[in-house]
PDB file of N, CA and C in Angstrom:
ATOM      1  N   UNK A   1     -24.759  63.756   9.908  1.00  0.00           N
ATOM      2  CA  UNK A   1     -26.243  63.683  10.034  1.00  0.00           C
ATOM      3  C   UNK A   1     -26.719  62.425   9.486  1.00  0.00           C
ATOM      4  N   UNK A   2     -27.619  61.698  10.181  1.00  0.00           N
ATOM      5  CA  UNK A   2     -28.122  60.594   9.671  1.00  0.00           C
ATOM      6  C   UNK A   2     -29.057  60.771   8.463  1.00  0.00           C
ATOM      7  N   UNK A   3     -29.044  59.840   7.542  1.00  0.00           N
ATOM      8  CA  UNK A   3     -29.914  59.869   6.344  1.00  0.00           C
ATOM      9  C   UNK A   3     -31.371  59.719   6.703  1.00  0.00           C
ATOM     10  N   UNK A   4     -32.312  60.425   6.073  1.00  0.00           N
ATOM     11  CA  UNK A   4     -33.718  60.278   6.333  1.00  0.00           C
ATOM     12  C   UNK A   4     -34.171  59.002   5.859  1.00  0.00           C
ATOM     13  N   UNK A   5     -33.641  58.572   4.605  1.00  0.00           N
ATOM     14  CA  UNK A   5     -34.179  57.294   4.032  1.00  0.00           C
ATOM     15  C   UNK A   5     -32.987  56.289   4.234  1.00  0.00           C
ATOM     16  N   UNK A   6     -33.248  55.260   5.010  1.00  0.00           N
ATOM     17  CA  UNK A   6     -32.243  54.257   5.354  1.00  0.00           C
ATOM     18  C   UNK A   6     -31.667  53.596   4.008  1.00  0.00           C
ATOM     19  N   UNK A   7     -30.414  53.220   4.015  1.00  0.00           N
ATOM     20  CA  UNK A   7     -29.801  52.559   2.784  1.00  0.00           C
ATOM     21  C   UNK A   7     -30.296  51.147   2.724  1.00  0.00           C
ATOM     22  N   UNK A   8     -30.740  50.613   3.784  1.00  0.00           N
ATOM     23  CA  UNK A   8     -31.276  49.164   3.860  1.00  0.00           C
ATOM     24  C   UNK A   8     -32.740  49.053   4.335  1.00  0.00           C
ATOM     25  N   UNK A   9     -33.444  48.139   3.669  1.00  0.00           N
ATOM     26  CA  UNK A   9     -34.857  47.999   4.079  1.00  0.00           C
ATOM     27  C   UNK A   9     -35.243  47.471   5.262  1.00  0.00           C
ATOM     28  N   UNK A  10     -34.195  46.818   5.966  1.00  0.00           N
ATOM     29  CA  UNK A  10     -34.490  46.224   7.312  1.00  0.00           C
ATOM     30  C   UNK A  10     -34.015  47.152   8.481  1.00  0.00           C
ATOM     31  N   UNK A  11     -33.610  48.247   8.282  1.00  0.00           N
ATOM     32  CA  UNK A  11     -33.291  49.095   9.491  1.00  0.00           C
ATOM     33  C   UNK A  11     -33.908  50.409   9.315  1.00  0.00           C
ATOM     34  N   UNK A  12     -34.158  51.089  10.534  1.00  0.00           N
ATOM     35  CA  UNK A  12     -34.688  52.458  10.529  1.00  0.00           C
ATOM     36  C   UNK A  12     -34.073  53.254  11.721  1.00  0.00           C
ATOM     37  N   UNK A  13     -34.117  54.530  11.574  1.00  0.00           N
ATOM     38  CA  UNK A  13     -33.562  55.358  12.712  1.00  0.00           C
ATOM     39  C   UNK A  13     -34.213  55.130  14.006  1.00  0.00           C
ATOM     40  N   UNK A  14     -35.435  54.546  13.995  1.00  0.00           N
ATOM     41  CA  UNK A  14     -36.300  54.409  15.212  1.00  0.00           C
ATOM     42  C   UNK A  14     -36.081  52.900  15.769  1.00  0.00           C
ATOM     43  N   UNK A  15     -35.626  51.993  15.029  1.00  0.00           N
ATOM     44  CA  UNK A  15     -35.739  50.642  15.565  1.00  0.00           C
ATOM     45  C   UNK A  15     -34.353  49.967  15.398  1.00  0.00           C
ATOM     46  N   UNK A  16     -33.227  50.762  15.148  1.00  0.00           N
ATOM     47  CA  UNK A  16     -32.021  50.148  14.987  1.00  0.00           C
ATOM     48  C   UNK A  16     -31.039  50.771  15.978  1.00  0.00           C
ATOM     49  N   UNK A  17     -30.397  50.100  16.898  1.00  0.00           N
ATOM     50  CA  UNK A  17     -29.580  50.637  17.906  1.00  0.00           C
ATOM     51  C   UNK A  17     -28.372  51.478  17.350  1.00  0.00           C
ATOM     52  N   UNK A  18     -27.694  50.886  16.239  1.00  0.00           N
ATOM     53  CA  UNK A  18     -26.492  51.589  15.783  1.00  0.00           C
ATOM     54  C   UNK A  18     -26.782  52.015  14.290  1.00  0.00           C
ATOM     55  N   UNK A  19     -27.903  52.704  14.068  1.00  0.00           N
ATOM     56  CA  UNK A  19     -28.327  53.343  12.844  1.00  0.00           C
ATOM     57  C   UNK A  19     -27.202  54.221  12.259  1.00  0.00           C
ATOM     58  N   UNK A  20     -26.597  55.138  13.060  1.00  0.00           N
ATOM     59  CA  UNK A  20     -25.702  56.010  12.504  1.00  0.00           C
ATOM     60  C   UNK A  20     -24.422  55.177  11.980  1.00  0.00           C
ATOM     61  N   UNK A  21     -24.022  54.260  12.829  1.00  0.00           N
ATOM     62  CA  UNK A  21     -22.758  53.489  12.451  1.00  0.00           C
ATOM     63  C   UNK A  21     -23.069  52.712  11.158  1.00  0.00           C
ATOM     64  N   UNK A  22     -24.243  52.048  11.091  1.00  0.00           N
ATOM     65  CA  UNK A  22     -24.505  51.253   9.909  1.00  0.00           C
ATOM     66  C   UNK A  22     -24.740  52.010   8.601  1.00  0.00           C
ATOM     67  N   UNK A  23     -25.323  53.197   8.792  1.00  0.00           N
ATOM     68  CA  UNK A  23     -25.433  54.082   7.551  1.00  0.00           C
ATOM     69  C   UNK A  23     -24.101  54.639   7.149  1.00  0.00           C
ATOM     70  N   UNK A  24     -23.188  54.804   8.124  1.00  0.00           N
ATOM     71  CA  UNK A  24     -21.806  55.264   7.694  1.00  0.00           C
ATOM     72  C   UNK A  24     -21.079  54.201   7.055  1.00  0.00           C
ATOM     73  N   UNK A  25     -21.282  52.956   7.371  1.00  0.00           N
ATOM     74  CA  UNK A  25     -20.499  51.798   6.697  1.00  0.00           C
ATOM     75  C   UNK A  25     -21.021  51.708   5.324  1.00  0.00           C
ATOM     76  N   UNK A  26     -22.360  51.876   5.131  1.00  0.00           N
ATOM     77  CA  UNK A  26     -22.811  51.859   3.720  1.00  0.00           C
ATOM     78  C   UNK A  26     -22.352  53.041   2.940  1.00  0.00           C
ATOM     79  N   UNK A  27     -22.404  54.236   3.610  1.00  0.00           N
ATOM     80  CA  UNK A  27     -22.014  55.515   2.809  1.00  0.00           C
ATOM     81  C   UNK A  27     -20.604  55.432   2.320  1.00  0.00           C
ATOM     82  N   UNK A  28     -19.689  54.936   3.193  1.00  0.00           N
ATOM     83  CA  UNK A  28     -18.360  54.751   2.837  1.00  0.00           C
ATOM     84  C   UNK A  28     -18.003  53.513   1.822  1.00  0.00           C
ATOM     85  N   UNK A  29     -18.950  52.576   1.727  1.00  0.00           N
ATOM     86  CA  UNK A  29     -18.747  51.448   0.871  1.00  0.00           C
ATOM     87  C   UNK A  29     -18.132  50.371   1.643  1.00  0.00           C
ATOM     88  N   UNK A  30     -17.968  50.437   2.911  1.00  0.00           N
ATOM     89  CA  UNK A  30     -17.411  49.270   3.729  1.00  0.00           C
ATOM     90  C   UNK A  30     -18.289  48.009   3.755  1.00  0.00           C
ATOM     91  N   UNK A  31     -19.660  48.447   3.803  1.00  0.00           N
ATOM     92  CA  UNK A  31     -20.672  47.216   3.606  1.00  0.00           C
ATOM     93  C   UNK A  31     -21.538  47.629   2.466  1.00  0.00           C
ATOM     94  N   UNK A  32     -22.083  46.643   1.744  1.00  0.00           N
ATOM     95  CA  UNK A  32     -22.946  46.901   0.682  1.00  0.00           C
ATOM     96  C   UNK A  32     -24.245  46.128   0.905  1.00  0.00           C
ATOM     97  N   UNK A  33     -24.391  45.459   1.859  1.00  0.00           N
ATOM     98  CA  UNK A  33     -25.614  44.692   2.305  1.00  0.00           C
ATOM     99  C   UNK A  33     -25.756  43.382   1.371  1.00  0.00           C
ATOM    100  N   UNK A  34     -27.030  42.850   1.652  1.00  0.00           N
ATOM    101  CA  UNK A  34     -27.490  41.783   0.896  1.00  0.00           C
ATOM    102  C   UNK A  34     -28.640  42.038  -0.039  1.00  0.00           C
ATOM    103  N   UNK A  35     -28.541  41.643  -1.329  1.00  0.00           N
ATOM    104  CA  UNK A  35     -29.614  41.831  -2.267  1.00  0.00           C
ATOM    105  C   UNK A  35     -30.734  40.870  -2.110  1.00  0.00           C
ATOM    106  N   UNK A  36     -31.972  41.233  -1.868  1.00  0.00           N
ATOM    107  CA  UNK A  36     -33.033  40.278  -1.678  1.00  0.00           C
ATOM    108  C   UNK A  36     -34.293  40.803  -2.657  1.00  0.00           C
ATOM    109  N   UNK A  37     -35.338  39.960  -2.667  1.00  0.00           N
ATOM    110  CA  UNK A  37     -36.402  40.397  -3.370  1.00  0.00           C
ATOM    111  C   UNK A  37     -37.181  41.628  -2.792  1.00  0.00           C
ATOM    112  N   UNK A  38     -36.988  41.909  -1.461  1.00  0.00           N
ATOM    113  CA  UNK A  38     -37.535  42.977  -0.772  1.00  0.00           C
ATOM    114  C   UNK A  38     -36.642  44.208  -0.938  1.00  0.00           C
ATOM    115  N   UNK A  39     -35.500  44.181  -1.446  1.00  0.00           N
ATOM    116  CA  UNK A  39     -34.501  45.351  -1.647  1.00  0.00           C
ATOM    117  C   UNK A  39     -33.276  44.959  -0.869  1.00  0.00           C
ATOM    118  N   UNK A  40     -32.307  45.872  -0.715  1.00  0.00           N
ATOM    119  CA  UNK A  40     -31.084  45.642  -0.095  1.00  0.00           C
ATOM    120  C   UNK A  40     -31.252  45.600   1.513  1.00  0.00           C
ATOM    121  N   UNK A  41     -30.787  44.562   2.083  1.00  0.00           N
ATOM    122  CA  UNK A  41     -30.851  44.347   3.515  1.00  0.00           C
ATOM    123  C   UNK A  41     -29.641  44.443   4.167  1.00  0.00           C
ATOM    124  N   UNK A  42     -29.567  44.743   5.469  1.00  0.00           N
ATOM    125  CA  UNK A  42     -28.343  44.812   6.161  1.00  0.00           C
ATOM    126  C   UNK A  42     -28.167  43.472   7.066  1.00  0.00           C
ATOM    127  N   UNK A  43     -29.176  42.859   7.457  1.00  0.00           N
ATOM    128  CA  UNK A  43     -29.289  41.685   8.152  1.00  0.00           C
ATOM    129  C   UNK A  43     -28.358  41.789   9.318  1.00  0.00           C
ATOM    130  N   UNK A  44     -28.697  42.651  10.324  1.00  0.00           N
ATOM    131  CA  UNK A  44     -27.879  42.975  11.552  1.00  0.00           C
ATOM    132  C   UNK A  44     -27.578  41.763  12.482  1.00  0.00           C
ATOM    133  N   UNK A  45     -28.401  40.642  12.415  1.00  0.00           N
ATOM    134  CA  UNK A  45     -28.132  39.663  13.379  1.00  0.00           C
ATOM    135  C   UNK A  45     -27.548  38.444  12.699  1.00  0.00           C
ATOM    136  N   UNK A  46     -27.136  38.451  11.464  1.00  0.00           N
ATOM    137  CA  UNK A  46     -26.600  37.435  10.843  1.00  0.00           C
ATOM    138  C   UNK A  46     -25.033  37.389  11.103  1.00  0.00           C
ATOM    139  N   UNK A  47     -24.416  36.184  11.243  1.00  0.00           N
ATOM    140  CA  UNK A  47     -22.994  36.121  11.558  1.00  0.00           C
ATOM    141  C   UNK A  47     -22.201  36.612  10.467  1.00  0.00           C
ATOM    142  N   UNK A  48     -20.880  37.068  10.863  1.00  0.00           N
ATOM    143  CA  UNK A  48     -20.061  37.623   9.892  1.00  0.00           C
ATOM    144  C   UNK A  48     -18.852  36.620   9.661  1.00  0.00           C
ATOM    145  N   UNK A  49     -18.668  36.175   8.479  1.00  0.00           N
ATOM    146  CA  UNK A  49     -17.687  35.159   8.152  1.00  0.00           C
ATOM    147  C   UNK A  49     -16.311  35.880   8.068  1.00  0.00           C
ATOM    148  N   UNK A  50     -15.295  35.099   8.153  1.00  0.00           N
ATOM    149  CA  UNK A  50     -13.914  35.568   8.061  1.00  0.00           C
ATOM    150  C   UNK A  50     -13.647  36.281   6.624  1.00  0.00           C
ATOM    151  N   UNK A  51     -14.188  35.751   5.525  1.00  0.00           N
ATOM    152  CA  UNK A  51     -13.917  36.281   4.291  1.00  0.00           C
ATOM    153  C   UNK A  51     -14.678  37.681   4.122  1.00  0.00           C
ATOM    154  N   UNK A  52     -15.820  37.787   4.738  1.00  0.00           N
ATOM    155  CA  UNK A  52     -16.637  39.171   4.791  1.00  0.00           C
ATOM    156  C   UNK A  52     -15.799  40.190   5.623  1.00  0.00           C
ATOM    157  N   UNK A  53     -15.291  39.657   6.771  1.00  0.00           N
ATOM    158  CA  UNK A  53     -14.476  40.598   7.580  1.00  0.00           C
ATOM    159  C   UNK A  53     -13.232  41.094   6.827  1.00  0.00           C
ATOM    160  N   UNK A  54     -12.552  40.232   6.112  1.00  0.00           N
ATOM    161  CA  UNK A  54     -11.463  40.630   5.367  1.00  0.00           C
ATOM    162  C   UNK A  54     -11.859  41.703   4.394  1.00  0.00           C
ATOM    163  N   UNK A  55     -12.969  41.532   3.684  1.00  0.00           N
ATOM    164  CA  UNK A  55     -13.457  42.474   2.783  1.00  0.00           C
ATOM    165  C   UNK A  55     -13.709  43.846   3.441  1.00  0.00           C
ATOM    166  N   UNK A  56     -14.408  43.803   4.695  1.00  0.00           N
ATOM    167  CA  UNK A  56     -14.663  44.995   5.377  1.00  0.00           C
ATOM    168  C   UNK A  56     -13.386  45.735   5.799  1.00  0.00           C
ATOM    169  N   UNK A  57     -12.392  45.025   6.257  1.00  0.00           N
ATOM    170  CA  UNK A  57     -11.108  45.560   6.685  1.00  0.00           C
ATOM    171  C   UNK A  57     -10.291  46.253   5.452  1.00  0.00           C
ATOM    172  N   UNK A  58     -10.457  45.459   4.349  1.00  0.00           N
ATOM    173  CA  UNK A  58      -9.842  45.949   3.207  1.00  0.00           C
ATOM    174  C   UNK A  58     -10.337  47.275   2.632  1.00  0.00           C
ATOM    175  N   UNK A  59     -11.698  47.213   2.707  1.00  0.00           N
ATOM    176  CA  UNK A  59     -12.409  48.528   2.117  1.00  0.00           C
ATOM    177  C   UNK A  59     -12.179  49.768   3.202  1.00  0.00           C
ATOM    178  N   UNK A  60     -12.106  49.431   4.414  1.00  0.00           N
ATOM    179  CA  UNK A  60     -11.673  50.479   5.346  1.00  0.00           C
ATOM    180  C   UNK A  60     -10.283  50.898   5.089  1.00  0.00           C
ATOM    181  N   UNK A  61      -9.372  50.082   4.981  1.00  0.00           N
ATOM    182  CA  UNK A  61      -7.931  50.473   4.721  1.00  0.00           C
ATOM    183  C   UNK A  61      -7.903  51.214   3.456  1.00  0.00           C
ATOM    184  N   UNK A  62      -8.664  51.047   2.445  1.00  0.00           N
ATOM    185  CA  UNK A  62      -8.624  51.851   1.211  1.00  0.00           C
ATOM    186  C   UNK A  62      -9.244  53.158   1.406  1.00  0.00           C
ATOM    187  N   UNK A  63      -9.976  53.394   2.452  1.00  0.00           N
ATOM    188  CA  UNK A  63     -10.366  54.729   2.848  1.00  0.00           C
ATOM    189  C   UNK A  63      -9.261  55.590   3.389  1.00  0.00           C
ATOM    190  N   UNK A  64      -8.339  55.020   4.045  1.00  0.00           N
ATOM    191  CA  UNK A  64      -7.296  55.662   4.651  1.00  0.00           C
ATOM    192  C   UNK A  64      -6.222  56.039   3.668  1.00  0.00           C
ATOM    193  N   UNK A  65      -6.225  55.368   2.513  1.00  0.00           N
ATOM    194  CA  UNK A  65      -5.300  55.502   1.509  1.00  0.00           C
ATOM    195  C   UNK A  65      -4.547  56.537   1.002  1.00  0.00           C
TER     196      UNK A  65
END
């Protein structure tokens, strides 16, 4: 079930196509978002760097552990 309160200030269940998947990533710790003055943001249209992708894959692998 999707959370009522989104974990990131820049996504909502009504305006974000992959809301369920993004909230799952946060819930499992695979992604932690970006800390900003407005709160934690997901920044869905920002490019993903190789080092960030390595962190995501490592966190996912640790879930399987």
